[in-house]
C-alpha atoms as a PDB file:
ATOM      1  CA  MET A   1     -22.039  30.853 -21.027  1.00  0.00           C
ATOM      2  CA  GLU A   2     -21.019  30.370 -17.066  1.00  0.00           C
ATOM      3  CA  SER A   3     -18.789  27.770 -16.603  1.00  0.00           C
ATOM      4  CA  PRO A   4     -20.122  25.247 -13.746  1.00  0.00           C
ATOM      5  CA  ARG A   5     -17.620  24.972 -10.661  1.00  0.00           C
ATOM      6  CA  PHE A   6     -15.414  22.458 -10.833  1.00  0.00           C
ATOM      7  CA  LEU A   7     -14.823  20.871 -14.955  1.00  0.00           C
ATOM      8  CA  THR A   8     -14.684  17.154 -14.064  1.00  0.00           C
ATOM      9  CA  GLY A   9     -16.609  15.498 -17.499  1.00  0.00           C
ATOM     10  CA  GLN A  10     -15.883  18.420 -19.305  1.00  0.00           C
ATOM     11  CA  PHE A  11     -13.335  20.267 -22.221  1.00  0.00           C
ATOM     12  CA  LEU A  12     -11.112  22.567 -22.593  1.00  0.00           C
ATOM     13  CA  LEU A  13     -10.868  24.451 -25.989  1.00  0.00           C
ATOM     14  CA  ALA A  14      -7.939  26.808 -25.813  1.00  0.00           C
ATOM     15  CA  MET A  15      -8.636  30.095 -26.213  1.00  0.00           C
ATOM     16  CA  PRO A  16      -7.016  31.979 -29.313  1.00  0.00           C
ATOM     17  CA  GLY A  17      -4.343  33.146 -28.053  1.00  0.00           C
ATOM     18  CA  ILE A  18      -4.222  32.072 -24.811  1.00  0.00           C
ATOM     19  CA  GLY A  19       0.136  33.024 -24.999  1.00  0.00           C
ATOM     20  CA  ASP A  20       1.364  29.149 -24.433  1.00  0.00           C
ATOM     21  CA  PRO A  21       1.965  27.602 -27.828  1.00  0.00           C
ATOM     22  CA  ARG A  22       2.119  24.127 -26.089  1.00  0.00           C
ATOM     23  CA  PHE A  23      -1.729  24.601 -25.812  1.00  0.00           C
ATOM     24  CA  GLU A  24      -3.075  26.334 -29.249  1.00  0.00           C
ATOM     25  CA  HIS A  25      -6.584  24.499 -30.706  1.00  0.00           C
ATOM     26  CA  SER A  26      -5.859  22.092 -27.678  1.00  0.00           C
ATOM     27  CA  VAL A  27      -8.834  20.229 -26.598  1.00  0.00           C
ATOM     28  CA  ILE A  28      -8.182  19.208 -23.121  1.00  0.00           C
ATOM     29  CA  ALA A  29     -10.544  16.223 -21.575  1.00  0.00           C
ATOM     30  CA  MET A  30     -10.763  16.554 -17.986  1.00  0.00           C
ATOM     31  CA  CYS A  31     -10.666  13.510 -15.527  1.00  0.00           C
ATOM     32  CA  ALA A  32     -10.133  15.782 -12.020  1.00  0.00           C
ATOM     33  CA  HIS A  33     -10.920  19.006 -10.757  1.00  0.00           C
ATOM     34  CA  ASP A  34     -11.504  20.198  -7.624  1.00  0.00           C
ATOM     35  CA  GLU A  35     -10.626  22.600  -4.659  1.00  0.00           C
ATOM     36  CA  LYS A  36      -6.939  21.090  -4.582  1.00  0.00           C
ATOM     37  CA  GLY A  37      -5.721  21.005  -8.446  1.00  0.00           C
ATOM     38  CA  ALA A  38      -7.379  19.742 -11.943  1.00  0.00           C
ATOM     39  CA  LEU A  39      -5.442  17.271 -14.649  1.00  0.00           C
ATOM     40  CA  GLY A  40      -6.824  16.775 -17.940  1.00  0.00           C
ATOM     41  CA  ILE A  41      -5.631  14.987 -20.919  1.00  0.00           C
ATOM     42  CA  GLY A  42      -4.579  16.634 -24.844  1.00  0.00           C
ATOM     43  CA  ILE A  43      -7.320  15.052 -27.064  1.00  0.00           C
ATOM     44  CA  GLY A  44      -6.872  17.067 -29.900  1.00  0.00           C
ATOM     45  CA  HIS A  45      -3.227  16.630 -31.484  1.00  0.00           C
ATOM     46  CA  ARG A  46      -1.431  13.433 -32.050  1.00  0.00           C
ATOM     47  CA  VAL A  47       2.411  12.829 -31.314  1.00  0.00           C
ATOM     48  CA  GLU A  48       4.293  12.583 -34.139  1.00  0.00           C
ATOM     49  CA  GLY A  49       5.760   9.493 -35.463  1.00  0.00           C
ATOM     50  CA  VAL A  50       4.794   7.360 -32.475  1.00  0.00           C
ATOM     51  CA  GLY A  51       1.700   5.036 -33.001  1.00  0.00           C
ATOM     52  CA  LEU A  52       0.163   2.596 -30.342  1.00  0.00           C
ATOM     53  CA  HIS A  53       2.219  -0.259 -31.505  1.00  0.00           C
ATOM     54  CA  LEU A  54       5.328   1.207 -30.801  1.00  0.00           C
ATOM     55  CA  LEU A  55       3.767   1.848 -27.392  1.00  0.00           C
ATOM     56  CA  LEU A  56       2.680  -1.983 -27.345  1.00  0.00           C
ATOM     57  CA  ASN A  57       6.352  -2.903 -28.439  1.00  0.00           C
ATOM     58  CA  GLN A  58       8.012  -1.498 -25.430  1.00  0.00           C
ATOM     59  CA  PHE A  59       5.942  -3.582 -23.520  1.00  0.00           C
ATOM     60  CA  GLU A  60       6.171  -6.709 -24.921  1.00  0.00           C
ATOM     61  CA  ILE A  61       2.728  -6.683 -26.010  1.00  0.00           C
ATOM     62  CA  ALA A  62       1.979  -8.293 -29.528  1.00  0.00           C
ATOM     63  CA  THR A  63      -0.048  -6.523 -32.050  1.00  0.00           C
ATOM     64  CA  ASP A  64      -1.426  -8.576 -33.912  1.00  0.00           C
ATOM     65  CA  GLY A  65      -5.203  -7.638 -34.764  1.00  0.00           C
ATOM     66  CA  VAL A  66      -4.899  -3.928 -33.048  1.00  0.00           C
ATOM     67  CA  PRO A  67      -5.338  -1.368 -35.247  1.00  0.00           C
ATOM     68  CA  ASP A  68      -1.911   0.679 -35.143  1.00  0.00           C
ATOM     69  CA  ALA A  69      -4.032   4.102 -34.151  1.00  0.00           C
ATOM     70  CA  PRO A  70      -2.049   7.738 -33.444  1.00  0.00           C
ATOM     71  CA  VAL A  71      -1.162   8.226 -29.915  1.00  0.00           C
ATOM     72  CA  HIS A  72      -2.400  11.812 -28.874  1.00  0.00           C
ATOM     73  CA  ALA A  73      -0.130  14.168 -26.655  1.00  0.00           C
ATOM     74  CA  GLY A  74      -2.254  14.060 -22.768  1.00  0.00           C
ATOM     75  CA  GLY A  75      -0.235  17.313 -22.023  1.00  0.00           C
ATOM     76  CA  PRO A  76       3.452  18.914 -21.524  1.00  0.00           C
ATOM     77  CA  VAL A  77       3.174  17.310 -17.711  1.00  0.00           C
ATOM     78  CA  GLU A  78       5.320  13.555 -17.537  1.00  0.00           C
ATOM     79  CA  PRO A  79       5.315  13.565 -21.375  1.00  0.00           C
ATOM     80  CA  GLN A  80       7.090  10.133 -21.073  1.00  0.00           C
ATOM     81  CA  ARG A  81       3.797   8.960 -19.267  1.00  0.00           C
ATOM     82  CA  GLY A  82       0.655   7.063 -20.860  1.00  0.00           C
ATOM     83  CA  PHE A  83      -3.263   7.612 -20.162  1.00  0.00           C
ATOM     84  CA  VAL A  84      -5.562   5.696 -21.732  1.00  0.00           C
ATOM     85  CA  ILE A  85      -8.956   7.024 -21.738  1.00  0.00           C
ATOM     86  CA  HIS A  86     -11.432   5.033 -22.468  1.00  0.00           C
ATOM     87  CA  SER A  87     -15.325   3.454 -22.963  1.00  0.00           C
ATOM     88  CA  ARG A  88     -16.648   2.592 -19.400  1.00  0.00           C
ATOM     89  CA  ASP A  89     -17.684  -0.884 -20.664  1.00  0.00           C
ATOM     90  CA  TRP A  90     -14.146  -1.973 -18.934  1.00  0.00           C
ATOM     91  CA  SER A  91     -11.881  -1.358 -15.858  1.00  0.00           C
ATOM     92  CA  GLY A  92      -8.759  -1.935 -14.519  1.00  0.00           C
ATOM     93  CA  SER A  93      -7.872  -2.118 -11.058  1.00  0.00           C
ATOM     94  CA  GLU A  94      -7.025   1.903 -11.566  1.00  0.00           C
ATOM     95  CA  SER A  95      -9.360   3.020 -13.657  1.00  0.00           C
ATOM     96  CA  ILE A  96     -11.329   5.788 -12.123  1.00  0.00           C
ATOM     97  CA  ASP A  97     -14.627   6.703 -13.672  1.00  0.00           C
ATOM     98  CA  VAL A  98     -15.113  10.397 -15.087  1.00  0.00           C
ATOM     99  CA  ALA A  99     -18.086  11.763 -14.266  1.00  0.00           C
ATOM    100  CA  GLY A 100     -19.975   8.697 -15.430  1.00  0.00           C
ATOM    101  CA  ARG A 101     -19.081   9.995 -19.156  1.00  0.00           C
ATOM    102  CA  TRP A 102     -15.871   7.776 -19.639  1.00  0.00           C
ATOM    103  CA  ALA A 103     -13.229   6.174 -17.958  1.00  0.00           C
ATOM    104  CA  LEU A 104      -9.386   7.073 -16.942  1.00  0.00           C
ATOM    105  CA  THR A 105      -6.473   4.498 -16.715  1.00  0.00           C
ATOM    106  CA  ALA A 106      -2.505   4.823 -16.261  1.00  0.00           C
ATOM    107  CA  THR A 107      -1.607   1.365 -16.173  1.00  0.00           C
ATOM    108  CA  VAL A 108      -0.474  -0.902 -18.522  1.00  0.00           C
ATOM    109  CA  ASP A 109      -3.142  -3.426 -17.495  1.00  0.00           C
ATOM    110  CA  ALA A 110      -5.577  -1.337 -20.289  1.00  0.00           C
ATOM    111  CA  LEU A 111      -3.002  -1.895 -22.987  1.00  0.00           C
ATOM    112  CA  ARG A 112      -2.558  -5.415 -22.545  1.00  0.00           C
ATOM    113  CA  ALA A 113      -6.705  -5.540 -22.617  1.00  0.00           C
ATOM    114  CA  ILE A 114      -6.910  -3.501 -25.983  1.00  0.00           C
ATOM    115  CA  ALA A 115      -3.710  -6.045 -27.958  1.00  0.00           C
ATOM    116  CA  SER A 116      -5.913  -9.112 -26.080  1.00  0.00           C
ATOM    117  CA  GLY A 117      -9.307  -7.408 -27.642  1.00  0.00           C
ATOM    118  CA  SER A 118     -10.854  -7.975 -24.535  1.00  0.00           C
ATOM    119  CA  GLY A 119     -10.551  -4.099 -23.494  1.00  0.00           C
ATOM    120  CA  PRO A 120     -12.560  -1.269 -24.258  1.00  0.00           C
ATOM    121  CA  SER A 121     -14.355  -0.809 -27.127  1.00  0.00           C
ATOM    122  CA  LYS A 122     -13.580   2.704 -27.433  1.00  0.00           C
ATOM    123  CA  TRP A 123     -10.479   4.640 -26.384  1.00  0.00           C
ATOM    124  CA  ILE A 124      -7.561   6.938 -26.350  1.00  0.00           C
ATOM    125  CA  VAL A 125      -3.888   6.682 -25.990  1.00  0.00           C
ATOM    126  CA  ALA A 126      -2.611   9.841 -24.953  1.00  0.00           C
ATOM    127  CA  LEU A 127       1.473  10.149 -23.859  1.00  0.00           C
ATOM    128  CA  GLY A 128       1.655  12.784 -21.240  1.00  0.00           C
ATOM    129  CA  TYR A 129      -0.981  15.184 -19.279  1.00  0.00           C
ATOM    130  CA  ALA A 130      -2.571  19.124 -18.630  1.00  0.00           C
ATOM    131  CA  GLY A 131      -1.807  19.365 -14.590  1.00  0.00           C
ATOM    132  CA  TRP A 132      -3.106  22.840 -12.605  1.00  0.00           C
ATOM    133  CA  GLY A 133      -1.923  23.378  -8.764  1.00  0.00           C
ATOM    134  CA  GLU A 134      -4.702  24.833  -6.620  1.00  0.00           C
ATOM    135  CA  GLY A 135      -6.647  28.052  -7.647  1.00  0.00           C
ATOM    136  CA  GLN A 136      -3.931  28.011 -11.459  1.00  0.00           C
ATOM    137  CA  LEU A 137      -6.854  26.592 -13.473  1.00  0.00           C
ATOM    138  CA  ASP A 138      -9.767  28.692 -11.954  1.00  0.00           C
ATOM    139  CA  GLU A 139      -6.867  31.657 -12.703  1.00  0.00           C
ATOM    140  CA  GLU A 140      -6.759  30.588 -15.909  1.00  0.00           C
ATOM    141  CA  MET A 141     -10.708  30.734 -16.641  1.00  0.00           C
ATOM    142  CA  ARG A 142     -10.992  33.884 -15.327  1.00  0.00           C
ATOM    143  CA  ARG A 143      -8.134  35.440 -18.052  1.00  0.00           C
ATOM    144  CA  HIS A 144     -10.495  33.686 -20.504  1.00  0.00           C
ATOM    145  CA  GLY A 145      -7.797  31.472 -21.673  1.00  0.00           C
ATOM    146  CA  TRP A 146     -10.605  28.205 -22.161  1.00  0.00           C
ATOM    147  CA  PHE A 147     -13.780  27.535 -22.632  1.00  0.00           C
ATOM    148  CA  VAL A 148     -15.605  25.444 -21.036  1.00  0.00           C
ATOM    149  CA  THR A 149     -18.180  22.671 -23.749  1.00  0.00           C
ATOM    150  CA  PRO A 150     -19.899  19.350 -22.356  1.00  0.00           C
ATOM    151  CA  GLY A 151     -17.796  16.287 -22.606  1.00  0.00           C
ATOM    152  CA  THR A 152     -19.923  14.234 -25.201  1.00  0.00           C
ATOM    153  CA  GLU A 153     -19.545  11.275 -26.270  1.00  0.00           C
ATOM    154  CA  SER A 154     -19.325  12.200 -30.151  1.00  0.00           C
ATOM    155  CA  LEU A 155     -16.363  15.091 -29.974  1.00  0.00           C
ATOM    156  CA  LEU A 156     -14.369  12.593 -28.180  1.00  0.00           C
ATOM    157  CA  TRP A 157     -15.546   9.415 -29.959  1.00  0.00           C
ATOM    158  CA  GLU A 158     -16.310  10.089 -33.168  1.00  0.00           C
ATOM    159  CA  THR A 159     -14.665  13.379 -33.793  1.00  0.00           C
ATOM    160  CA  ARG A 160     -11.309  13.171 -35.360  1.00  0.00           C
ATOM    161  CA  PRO A 161      -8.611  14.716 -33.427  1.00  0.00           C
ATOM    162  CA  GLU A 162      -7.711  17.533 -36.148  1.00  0.00           C
ATOM    163  CA  ALA A 163     -11.683  18.425 -35.851  1.00  0.00           C
ATOM    164  CA  ARG A 164     -12.039  18.284 -32.035  1.00  0.00           C
ATOM    165  CA  TRP A 165     -11.091  21.829 -31.237  1.00  0.00           C
ATOM    166  CA  ARG A 166     -13.289  23.379 -34.622  1.00  0.00           C
ATOM    167  CA  GLU A 167     -16.045  20.996 -33.678  1.00  0.00           C
ATOM    168  CA  GLY A 168     -16.069  21.776 -30.094  1.00  0.00           C
ATOM    169  CA  PHE A 169     -16.623  25.704 -30.815  1.00  0.00           C
ATOM    170  CA  SER A 170     -19.144  24.880 -33.463  1.00  0.00           C
ATOM    171  CA  SER A 171     -21.250  22.873 -30.915  1.00  0.00           C
ATOM    172  CA  ALA A 172     -21.912  25.906 -28.814  1.00  0.00           C
ATOM    173  CA  GLY A 173     -22.315  27.884 -31.409  1.00  0.00           C
ATOM    174  CA  ILE A 174     -19.553  29.443 -31.945  1.00  0.00           C
ATOM    175  CA  ASP A 175     -18.156  30.299 -35.371  1.00  0.00           C
ATOM    176  CA  SER A 176     -14.017  28.760 -34.643  1.00  0.00           C
ATOM    177  CA  ARG A 177     -13.029  30.661 -38.308  1.00  0.00           C
ATOM    178  CA  LEU A 178     -14.689  34.143 -36.156  1.00  0.00           C
ATOM    179  CA  LEU A 179     -13.373  33.302 -33.356  1.00  0.00           C
ATOM    180  CA  ALA A 180      -9.662  32.902 -34.427  1.00  0.00           C
ATOM    181  CA  ALA A 181      -9.905  36.257 -36.633  1.00  0.00           C
ATOM    182  CA  SER A 182     -10.958  38.307 -33.707  1.00  0.00           C
ATOM    183  CA  ALA A 183      -7.867  36.698 -32.082  1.00  0.00           C
ATOM    184  CA  GLY A 184      -5.741  37.834 -34.983  1.00  0.00           C
ATOM    185  CA  GLN A 185      -4.949  34.777 -36.382  1.00  0.00           C
ATOM    186  CA  ALA A 186      -6.617  33.357 -39.876  1.00  0.00           C
END
């Protein structure tokens, strides 16, 4: 399967044996990718002990009526910075559209809107991001560190975070158990 030149709006799935424990079984929603670099948000691993209510409380935003959803480990870069991947039925002043598939907002207005019930109908909150400089992701793709799969709504919104990696490969017709076994991982 040939990868598109730029991966905005796609998912990256970490190949078994990627060589960086921070990315084992990672699923990265690619939000920007061009000749200058790339930015993605991890949507496959939760941050232990951190939920939406904790974040809202830090900004003194009321938590009444909003579920205490998990917060995802968006990536190793700026892990204290928050991002919201969300459906396109809401947009803040600094939201960016991601290939017509979802939107990304990195401002507190997204959290306020979610808490008040006036925000997007679907959302994922993450801390940190995965970033690549000019040509860096392209090089990792040539070394087979990542597998590209379409950025489908079902994988983003309907699949449990802990199942996204396996389901991403499955959607491409690949049994992740066999893939892991061939890489020496059970």
